[in-house]
Amino acid sequence: MGKIALTLVIIGAINWLLVGLFEWDLVSALLGGESYRESSTISRIVYSLVGLCGLYSLKYLFMDERRART
């Protein structure tokens, strides 16, 4: 269950990274809706930071669970 939740968090973070950098919403593009949106510069910076943190979290998805508990 933890890896499923982490995978969804990473997907969401990558989506925010795309919104922050390119103002393009991957989830909306795939599931229907408005995929391009205008954002303020500050919100785009925040979206990009969240996305970068999600990319950093990829290492936890593949980490050995026994090693993570120590």
PDB file of N, CA and C in Angstrom:
ATOM      1  N   MET A   1       0.826  -1.201   0.000  1.00  0.00           N
ATOM      2  CA  MET A   1       0.000   0.000   0.000  1.00  0.00           C
ATOM      3  C   MET A   1       0.869   1.263   0.000  1.00  0.00           C
ATOM      4  N   GLY A   2       1.976   1.207   0.721  1.00  0.00           N
ATOM      5  CA  GLY A   2       2.862   2.366   0.794  1.00  0.00           C
ATOM      6  C   GLY A   2       3.470   2.720  -0.554  1.00  0.00           C
ATOM      7  N   LYS A   3       3.840   1.691  -1.331  1.00  0.00           N
ATOM      8  CA  LYS A   3       4.440   1.959  -2.640  1.00  0.00           C
ATOM      9  C   LYS A   3       3.402   2.509  -3.613  1.00  0.00           C
ATOM     10  N   ILE A   4       2.160   2.083  -3.490  1.00  0.00           N
ATOM     11  CA  ILE A   4       1.099   2.629  -4.343  1.00  0.00           C
ATOM     12  C   ILE A   4       0.893   4.104  -4.033  1.00  0.00           C
ATOM     13  N   ALA A   5       0.845   4.431  -2.738  1.00  0.00           N
ATOM     14  CA  ALA A   5       0.667   5.826  -2.330  1.00  0.00           C
ATOM     15  C   ALA A   5       1.847   6.673  -2.789  1.00  0.00           C
ATOM     16  N   LEU A   6       3.061   6.157  -2.631  1.00  0.00           N
ATOM     17  CA  LEU A   6       4.246   6.905  -3.052  1.00  0.00           C
ATOM     18  C   LEU A   6       4.249   7.097  -4.565  1.00  0.00           C
ATOM     19  N   THR A   7       3.831   6.087  -5.314  1.00  0.00           N
ATOM     20  CA  THR A   7       3.758   6.208  -6.769  1.00  0.00           C
ATOM     21  C   THR A   7       2.794   7.315  -7.171  1.00  0.00           C
ATOM     22  N   LEU A   8       1.629   7.372  -6.532  1.00  0.00           N
ATOM     23  CA  LEU A   8       0.656   8.422  -6.839  1.00  0.00           C
ATOM     24  C   LEU A   8       1.179   9.805  -6.470  1.00  0.00           C
ATOM     25  N   VAL A   9       1.888   9.902  -5.358  1.00  0.00           N
ATOM     26  CA  VAL A   9       2.484  11.183  -4.958  1.00  0.00           C
ATOM     27  C   VAL A   9       3.513  11.623  -5.991  1.00  0.00           C
ATOM     28  N   ILE A  10       4.318  10.701  -6.474  1.00  0.00           N
ATOM     29  CA  ILE A  10       5.342  11.031  -7.466  1.00  0.00           C
ATOM     30  C   ILE A  10       4.692  11.465  -8.770  1.00  0.00           C
ATOM     31  N   ILE A  11       3.645  10.760  -9.200  1.00  0.00           N
ATOM     32  CA  ILE A  11       2.933  11.151 -10.417  1.00  0.00           C
ATOM     33  C   ILE A  11       2.355  12.551 -10.262  1.00  0.00           C
ATOM     34  N   GLY A  12       1.755  12.831  -9.106  1.00  0.00           N
ATOM     35  CA  GLY A  12       1.214  14.166  -8.856  1.00  0.00           C
ATOM     36  C   GLY A  12       2.289  15.229  -8.857  1.00  0.00           C
ATOM     37  N   ALA A  13       3.445  14.902  -8.284  1.00  0.00           N
ATOM     38  CA  ALA A  13       4.542  15.864  -8.250  1.00  0.00           C
ATOM     39  C   ALA A  13       5.091  16.126  -9.650  1.00  0.00           C
ATOM     40  N   ILE A  14       5.191  15.081 -10.458  1.00  0.00           N
ATOM     41  CA  ILE A  14       5.648  15.272 -11.836  1.00  0.00           C
ATOM     42  C   ILE A  14       4.647  16.139 -12.599  1.00  0.00           C
ATOM     43  N   ASN A  15       3.360  15.928 -12.351  1.00  0.00           N
ATOM     44  CA  ASN A  15       2.337  16.763 -12.987  1.00  0.00           C
ATOM     45  C   ASN A  15       2.520  18.226 -12.586  1.00  0.00           C
ATOM     46  N   TRP A  16       2.763  18.487 -11.303  1.00  0.00           N
ATOM     47  CA  TRP A  16       2.971  19.869 -10.857  1.00  0.00           C
ATOM     48  C   TRP A  16       4.242  20.456 -11.454  1.00  0.00           C
ATOM     49  N   LEU A  17       5.266  19.608 -11.639  1.00  0.00           N
ATOM     50  CA  LEU A  17       6.492  20.085 -12.281  1.00  0.00           C
ATOM     51  C   LEU A  17       6.188  20.553 -13.704  1.00  0.00           C
ATOM     52  N   LEU A  18       5.393  19.777 -14.434  1.00  0.00           N
ATOM     53  CA  LEU A  18       5.021  20.165 -15.795  1.00  0.00           C
ATOM     54  C   LEU A  18       4.188  21.449 -15.800  1.00  0.00           C
ATOM     55  N   VAL A  19       3.307  21.592 -14.811  1.00  0.00           N
ATOM     56  CA  VAL A  19       2.518  22.825 -14.703  1.00  0.00           C
ATOM     57  C   VAL A  19       3.441  23.998 -14.398  1.00  0.00           C
ATOM     58  N   GLY A  20       4.380  23.787 -13.482  1.00  0.00           N
ATOM     59  CA  GLY A  20       5.281  24.865 -13.095  1.00  0.00           C
ATOM     60  C   GLY A  20       6.219  25.298 -14.200  1.00  0.00           C
ATOM     61  N   LEU A  21       6.732  24.345 -14.952  1.00  0.00           N
ATOM     62  CA  LEU A  21       7.713  24.681 -15.981  1.00  0.00           C
ATOM     63  C   LEU A  21       7.082  25.072 -17.311  1.00  0.00           C
ATOM     64  N   PHE A  22       6.014  24.377 -17.687  1.00  0.00           N
ATOM     65  CA  PHE A  22       5.463  24.555 -19.028  1.00  0.00           C
ATOM     66  C   PHE A  22       4.003  24.985 -19.060  1.00  0.00           C
ATOM     67  N   GLU A  23       3.400  25.167 -17.857  1.00  0.00           N
ATOM     68  CA  GLU A  23       1.970  25.503 -17.749  1.00  0.00           C
ATOM     69  C   GLU A  23       1.116  24.474 -18.489  1.00  0.00           C
ATOM     70  N   TRP A  24       1.503  23.202 -18.394  1.00  0.00           N
ATOM     71  CA  TRP A  24       0.794  22.112 -19.056  1.00  0.00           C
ATOM     72  C   TRP A  24       0.440  21.041 -18.033  1.00  0.00           C
ATOM     73  N   ASP A  25      -0.842  20.711 -17.941  1.00  0.00           N
ATOM     74  CA  ASP A  25      -1.355  19.762 -16.955  1.00  0.00           C
ATOM     75  C   ASP A  25      -1.511  18.391 -17.609  1.00  0.00           C
ATOM     76  N   LEU A  26      -0.627  17.463 -17.282  1.00  0.00           N
ATOM     77  CA  LEU A  26      -0.627  16.130 -17.867  1.00  0.00           C
ATOM     78  C   LEU A  26      -1.901  15.368 -17.522  1.00  0.00           C
ATOM     79  N   VAL A  27      -2.334  15.451 -16.279  1.00  0.00           N
ATOM     80  CA  VAL A  27      -3.522  14.717 -15.855  1.00  0.00           C
ATOM     81  C   VAL A  27      -4.751  15.188 -16.621  1.00  0.00           C
ATOM     82  N   SER A  28      -4.914  16.479 -16.757  1.00  0.00           N
ATOM     83  CA  SER A  28      -6.042  17.002 -17.529  1.00  0.00           C
ATOM     84  C   SER A  28      -5.950  16.601 -18.994  1.00  0.00           C
ATOM     85  N   ALA A  29      -4.741  16.593 -19.528  1.00  0.00           N
ATOM     86  CA  ALA A  29      -4.566  16.211 -20.926  1.00  0.00           C
ATOM     87  C   ALA A  29      -4.941  14.746 -21.143  1.00  0.00           C
ATOM     88  N   LEU A  30      -4.595  13.887 -20.180  1.00  0.00           N
ATOM     89  CA  LEU A  30      -4.893  12.462 -20.318  1.00  0.00           C
ATOM     90  C   LEU A  30      -6.346  12.126 -20.012  1.00  0.00           C
ATOM     91  N   LEU A  31      -6.927  12.813 -19.039  1.00  0.00           N
ATOM     92  CA  LEU A  31      -8.259  12.457 -18.573  1.00  0.00           C
ATOM     93  C   LEU A  31      -9.352  13.396 -19.068  1.00  0.00           C
ATOM     94  N   GLY A  32      -8.976  14.351 -19.876  1.00  0.00           N
ATOM     95  CA  GLY A  32      -9.957  15.306 -20.378  1.00  0.00           C
ATOM     96  C   GLY A  32      -9.952  16.573 -19.547  1.00  0.00           C
ATOM     97  N   GLY A  33     -10.177  17.656 -20.190  1.00  0.00           N
ATOM     98  CA  GLY A  33     -10.178  18.936 -19.497  1.00  0.00           C
ATOM     99  C   GLY A  33      -9.219  19.896 -20.147  1.00  0.00           C
ATOM    100  N   GLU A  34      -9.040  21.009 -19.510  1.00  0.00           N
ATOM    101  CA  GLU A  34      -8.174  22.063 -20.024  1.00  0.00           C
ATOM    102  C   GLU A  34      -6.739  21.782 -19.607  1.00  0.00           C
ATOM    103  N   SER A  35      -5.866  21.463 -20.553  1.00  0.00           N
ATOM    104  CA  SER A  35      -4.504  21.071 -20.203  1.00  0.00           C
ATOM    105  C   SER A  35      -3.546  22.254 -20.106  1.00  0.00           C
ATOM    106  N   TYR A  36      -3.902  23.401 -20.663  1.00  0.00           N
ATOM    107  CA  TYR A  36      -3.053  24.592 -20.546  1.00  0.00           C
ATOM    108  C   TYR A  36      -3.737  25.597 -19.641  1.00  0.00           C
ATOM    109  N   ARG A  37      -2.977  26.157 -18.740  1.00  0.00           N
ATOM    110  CA  ARG A  37      -3.531  27.152 -17.819  1.00  0.00           C
ATOM    111  C   ARG A  37      -2.482  28.208 -17.529  1.00  0.00           C
ATOM    112  N   GLU A  38      -2.956  29.385 -17.223  1.00  0.00           N
ATOM    113  CA  GLU A  38      -2.033  30.453 -16.844  1.00  0.00           C
ATOM    114  C   GLU A  38      -1.859  30.451 -15.341  1.00  0.00           C
ATOM    115  N   SER A  39      -0.635  30.659 -14.891  1.00  0.00           N
ATOM    116  CA  SER A  39      -0.330  30.677 -13.473  1.00  0.00           C
ATOM    117  C   SER A  39       0.573  31.860 -13.182  1.00  0.00           C
ATOM    118  N   SER A  40       0.553  32.304 -11.932  1.00  0.00           N
ATOM    119  CA  SER A  40       1.471  33.365 -11.537  1.00  0.00           C
ATOM    120  C   SER A  40       2.882  32.786 -11.427  1.00  0.00           C
ATOM    121  N   THR A  41       3.858  33.650 -11.448  1.00  0.00           N
ATOM    122  CA  THR A  41       5.247  33.214 -11.369  1.00  0.00           C
ATOM    123  C   THR A  41       5.528  32.505 -10.055  1.00  0.00           C
ATOM    124  N   ILE A  42       4.995  33.027  -8.969  1.00  0.00           N
ATOM    125  CA  ILE A  42       5.239  32.417  -7.658  1.00  0.00           C
ATOM    126  C   ILE A  42       4.623  31.022  -7.588  1.00  0.00           C
ATOM    127  N   SER A  43       3.411  30.861  -8.094  1.00  0.00           N
ATOM    128  CA  SER A  43       2.789  29.534  -8.049  1.00  0.00           C
ATOM    129  C   SER A  43       3.544  28.557  -8.947  1.00  0.00           C
ATOM    130  N   ARG A  44       4.071  29.034 -10.064  1.00  0.00           N
ATOM    131  CA  ARG A  44       4.855  28.156 -10.939  1.00  0.00           C
ATOM    132  C   ARG A  44       6.138  27.715 -10.246  1.00  0.00           C
ATOM    133  N   ILE A  45       6.735  28.585  -9.455  1.00  0.00           N
ATOM    134  CA  ILE A  45       7.933  28.208  -8.700  1.00  0.00           C
ATOM    135  C   ILE A  45       7.586  27.136  -7.670  1.00  0.00           C
ATOM    136  N   VAL A  46       6.482  27.325  -6.978  1.00  0.00           N
ATOM    137  CA  VAL A  46       6.046  26.338  -5.979  1.00  0.00           C
ATOM    138  C   VAL A  46       5.749  25.006  -6.656  1.00  0.00           C
ATOM    139  N   TYR A  47       5.013  25.022  -7.772  1.00  0.00           N
ATOM    140  CA  TYR A  47       4.714  23.792  -8.501  1.00  0.00           C
ATOM    141  C   TYR A  47       6.006  23.094  -8.919  1.00  0.00           C
ATOM    142  N   SER A  48       6.968  23.852  -9.387  1.00  0.00           N
ATOM    143  CA  SER A  48       8.236  23.268  -9.825  1.00  0.00           C
ATOM    144  C   SER A  48       8.992  22.645  -8.660  1.00  0.00           C
ATOM    145  N   LEU A  49       8.995  23.310  -7.512  1.00  0.00           N
ATOM    146  CA  LEU A  49       9.670  22.751  -6.334  1.00  0.00           C
ATOM    147  C   LEU A  49       9.017  21.453  -5.875  1.00  0.00           C
ATOM    148  N   VAL A  50       7.692  21.418  -5.872  1.00  0.00           N
ATOM    149  CA  VAL A  50       6.970  20.191  -5.506  1.00  0.00           C
ATOM    150  C   VAL A  50       7.323  19.077  -6.489  1.00  0.00           C
ATOM    151  N   GLY A  51       7.380  19.412  -7.769  1.00  0.00           N
ATOM    152  CA  GLY A  51       7.734  18.424  -8.779  1.00  0.00           C
ATOM    153  C   GLY A  51       9.143  17.891  -8.608  1.00  0.00           C
ATOM    154  N   LEU A  52      10.080  18.759  -8.323  1.00  0.00           N
ATOM    155  CA  LEU A  52      11.457  18.324  -8.103  1.00  0.00           C
ATOM    156  C   LEU A  52      11.561  17.427  -6.872  1.00  0.00           C
ATOM    157  N   CYS A  53      10.802  17.743  -5.838  1.00  0.00           N
ATOM    158  CA  CYS A  53      10.779  16.885  -4.648  1.00  0.00           C
ATOM    159  C   CYS A  53      10.200  15.515  -4.980  1.00  0.00           C
ATOM    160  N   GLY A  54       9.205  15.487  -5.854  1.00  0.00           N
ATOM    161  CA  GLY A  54       8.648  14.211  -6.288  1.00  0.00           C
ATOM    162  C   GLY A  54       9.659  13.384  -7.042  1.00  0.00           C
ATOM    163  N   LEU A  55      10.427  14.029  -7.919  1.00  0.00           N
ATOM    164  CA  LEU A  55      11.481  13.301  -8.631  1.00  0.00           C
ATOM    165  C   LEU A  55      12.535  12.775  -7.658  1.00  0.00           C
ATOM    166  N   TYR A  56      12.862  13.563  -6.651  1.00  0.00           N
ATOM    167  CA  TYR A  56      13.809  13.122  -5.624  1.00  0.00           C
ATOM    168  C   TYR A  56      13.264  11.909  -4.874  1.00  0.00           C
ATOM    169  N   SER A  57      11.953  11.855  -4.685  1.00  0.00           N
ATOM    170  CA  SER A  57      11.309  10.767  -3.940  1.00  0.00           C
ATOM    171  C   SER A  57      11.302   9.447  -4.700  1.00  0.00           C
ATOM    172  N   LEU A  58      11.625   9.474  -5.980  1.00  0.00           N
ATOM    173  CA  LEU A  58      11.691   8.230  -6.739  1.00  0.00           C
ATOM    174  C   LEU A  58      12.633   7.220  -6.091  1.00  0.00           C
ATOM    175  N   LYS A  59      13.685   7.693  -5.462  1.00  0.00           N
ATOM    176  CA  LYS A  59      14.642   6.771  -4.848  1.00  0.00           C
ATOM    177  C   LYS A  59      13.991   5.974  -3.711  1.00  0.00           C
ATOM    178  N   TYR A  60      13.021   6.538  -3.032  1.00  0.00           N
ATOM    179  CA  TYR A  60      12.348   5.832  -1.946  1.00  0.00           C
ATOM    180  C   TYR A  60      11.439   4.723  -2.469  1.00  0.00           C
ATOM    181  N   LEU A  61      10.970   4.852  -3.678  1.00  0.00           N
ATOM    182  CA  LEU A  61      10.104   3.843  -4.267  1.00  0.00           C
ATOM    183  C   LEU A  61      10.866   2.535  -4.477  1.00  0.00           C
ATOM    184  N   PHE A  62      12.135   2.629  -4.795  1.00  0.00           N
ATOM    185  CA  PHE A  62      12.936   1.452  -5.090  1.00  0.00           C
ATOM    186  C   PHE A  62      13.870   1.059  -3.948  1.00  0.00           C
ATOM    187  N   MET A  63      13.766   1.733  -2.822  1.00  0.00           N
ATOM    188  CA  MET A  63      14.613   1.449  -1.684  1.00  0.00           C
ATOM    189  C   MET A  63      14.186   0.133  -1.018  1.00  0.00           C
ATOM    190  N   ASP A  64      15.140  -0.605  -0.562  1.00  0.00           N
ATOM    191  CA  ASP A  64      14.878  -1.842   0.177  1.00  0.00           C
ATOM    192  C   ASP A  64      14.179  -1.483   1.490  1.00  0.00           C
ATOM    193  N   GLU A  65      13.017  -2.072   1.743  1.00  0.00           N
ATOM    194  CA  GLU A  65      12.230  -1.708   2.929  1.00  0.00           C
ATOM    195  C   GLU A  65      12.953  -2.031   4.224  1.00  0.00           C
ATOM    196  N   ARG A  66      13.739  -3.079   4.255  1.00  0.00           N
ATOM    197  CA  ARG A  66      14.476  -3.396   5.469  1.00  0.00           C
ATOM    198  C   ARG A  66      15.495  -2.322   5.798  1.00  0.00           C
ATOM    199  N   ARG A  67      16.136  -1.795   4.758  1.00  0.00           N
ATOM    200  CA  ARG A  67      17.119  -0.737   4.967  1.00  0.00           C
ATOM    201  C   ARG A  67      16.446   0.576   5.366  1.00  0.00           C
ATOM    202  N   ALA A  68      15.238   0.823   4.887  1.00  0.00           N
ATOM    203  CA  ALA A  68      14.522   2.057   5.187  1.00  0.00           C
ATOM    204  C   ALA A  68      14.095   2.124   6.634  1.00  0.00           C
ATOM    205  N   ARG A  69      13.879   0.990   7.272  1.00  0.00           N
ATOM    206  CA  ARG A  69      13.407   0.965   8.666  1.00  0.00           C
ATOM    207  C   ARG A  69      14.511   1.220   9.673  1.00  0.00           C
ATOM    208  N   THR A  70      15.755   1.089   9.268  1.00  0.00           N
ATOM    209  CA  THR A  70      16.855   1.269  10.220  1.00  0.00           C
ATOM    210  C   THR A  70      17.235   2.703  10.373  1.00  0.00           C
TER     211      THR A  70
END
